[in-house]
Structure formats: structure tokens, C-alpha cells
């Protein structure tokens, strides 16, 4: 990915051009990820559900997003809103 970013930065695009280029560059990766996840889901529809949670894939997605938000907050480091981990308060 670095060669791509190096090239894009060298031509000094506008923010919109940069976003469009990045989207075009990442599209094959996301298409592949989507296909892998859909294949797994076709094999086992319960793969994206949590034990004891009746909301199924929706609950899984909500839990995933909350976990990502918590990780983001946790990575802020010492003196910020982190509450666990090496950079958090004790």
C-alpha cells in the first residue's frame, strides 16, 4: 500500500481526488472480504451470532461496533479517556 500512497501524495491531489483514488484502490480488497464473509455465512448462518443473543447478525454487528469504539478510546493513551490497558489509568 505504501507505493500507492507515495504515488498519490507525489501528484498532490485534492482531498476529493485522494478519497476517490483510495476507494478505487481498496475496492478489490473489500470485494474479496465481502465474498469470504458471505461464503462463511452461507455455510453456517449462525456464524455471526452470539450465544444467548436472539438478535442474530444485528446483535453481532452492534457488539462489534461497540468493541471497535472501545478499542479506539483505549488507544488514546495516558491522560485521556482510556480506562484500561497499558496506557489507561489504574
Protein backbone atom coordinates (compact mmCIF):
# COMPACT_ATOMS: atom_id res chain seq x y z
CA UNK A 1 0.00 0.00 0.00
CA UNK A 2 2.92 2.36 0.64
CA UNK A 3 3.86 2.63 -3.08
CA UNK A 4 0.26 3.60 -3.85
CA UNK A 5 0.17 6.26 -1.14
CA UNK A 6 3.61 7.54 -2.15
CA UNK A 7 2.41 7.94 -5.74
CA UNK A 8 -0.84 9.65 -4.75
CA UNK A 9 0.94 12.09 -2.44
CA UNK A 10 3.51 12.87 -5.15
CA UNK A 11 0.81 14.09 -7.54
CA UNK A 12 -0.68 16.30 -4.78
CA UNK A 13 -4.37 15.55 -5.28
CA UNK A 14 -7.28 17.42 -3.81
CA UNK A 15 -8.95 15.73 -0.82
CA UNK A 16 -11.76 14.53 -3.11
CA UNK A 17 -9.31 13.06 -5.64
CA UNK A 18 -7.41 11.35 -2.85
CA UNK A 19 -10.61 9.82 -1.43
CA UNK A 20 -11.71 8.60 -4.86
CA UNK A 21 -8.29 7.08 -5.58
CA UNK A 22 -8.22 5.37 -2.20
CA UNK A 23 -11.71 3.94 -2.75
CA UNK A 24 -10.72 2.57 -6.18
CA UNK A 25 -7.53 1.08 -4.73
CA UNK A 26 -9.31 -0.61 -1.80
CA UNK A 27 -12.31 -1.90 -3.75
CA UNK A 28 -10.79 -5.30 -4.67
CA UNK A 29 -9.80 -5.93 -1.06
CA UNK A 30 -13.27 -5.16 0.25
CA UNK A 31 -14.89 -7.20 -2.53
CA UNK A 32 -12.74 -10.18 -1.52
CA UNK A 33 -13.55 -9.71 2.16
CA UNK A 34 -17.26 -9.48 1.37
CA UNK A 35 -17.14 -12.67 -0.67
CA UNK A 36 -15.28 -14.59 2.05
CA UNK A 37 -17.75 -13.45 4.71
CA UNK A 38 -20.76 -14.32 2.54
CA UNK A 39 -19.30 -17.78 1.81
CA UNK A 40 -18.85 -18.38 5.53
CA UNK A 41 -22.38 -17.13 6.21
CA UNK A 42 -23.79 -19.46 3.52
CA UNK A 43 -22.06 -22.43 5.18
CA UNK A 44 -23.21 -21.52 8.69
CA UNK A 45 -25.89 -18.83 9.11
CA UNK A 46 -25.22 -18.73 12.85
CA UNK A 47 -21.57 -17.74 12.40
CA UNK A 48 -22.40 -14.06 13.00
CA UNK A 49 -24.49 -14.53 16.13
CA UNK A 50 -23.53 -14.51 19.78
CA UNK A 51 -24.55 -17.34 22.12
CA UNK A 52 -27.67 -16.38 24.04
CA UNK A 53 -28.34 -13.31 21.88
CA UNK A 54 -31.58 -13.52 19.91
CA UNK A 55 -30.78 -10.54 17.67
CA UNK A 56 -28.55 -12.64 15.39
CA UNK A 57 -26.27 -10.86 12.95
CA UNK A 58 -27.61 -7.45 14.00
CA UNK A 59 -26.55 -8.04 17.60
CA UNK A 60 -23.19 -9.33 16.42
CA UNK A 61 -22.67 -6.18 14.35
CA UNK A 62 -23.67 -3.90 17.20
CA UNK A 63 -21.32 -5.69 19.60
CA UNK A 64 -18.53 -5.48 17.02
CA UNK A 65 -19.00 -1.72 16.58
CA UNK A 66 -19.07 -1.13 20.35
CA UNK A 67 -15.86 -3.14 20.68
CA UNK A 68 -14.17 -1.09 17.94
CA UNK A 69 -15.22 2.15 19.66
CA UNK A 70 -13.83 0.89 22.97
CA UNK A 71 -10.54 -0.05 21.31
CA UNK A 72 -10.31 3.40 19.76
CA UNK A 73 -10.95 5.06 23.10
CA UNK A 74 -8.44 2.73 24.77
CA UNK A 75 -5.68 3.61 22.31
CA UNK A 76 -5.70 7.30 23.23
CA UNK A 77 -3.13 6.73 25.93
CA UNK A 78 -2.22 8.21 29.27
CA UNK A 79 -4.11 11.27 30.41
CA UNK A 80 -7.01 10.84 28.04
CA UNK A 81 -10.25 8.86 28.21
CA UNK A 82 -8.56 5.44 28.22
CA UNK A 83 -9.64 3.32 31.17
CA UNK A 84 -7.74 0.09 30.64
CA UNK A 85 -4.61 -1.33 29.15
CA UNK A 86 -1.02 -0.14 29.46
CA UNK A 87 -1.89 3.48 28.68
CA UNK A 88 -5.03 3.65 30.85
CA UNK A 89 -5.49 4.59 34.44
CA UNK A 90 -5.08 2.02 37.19
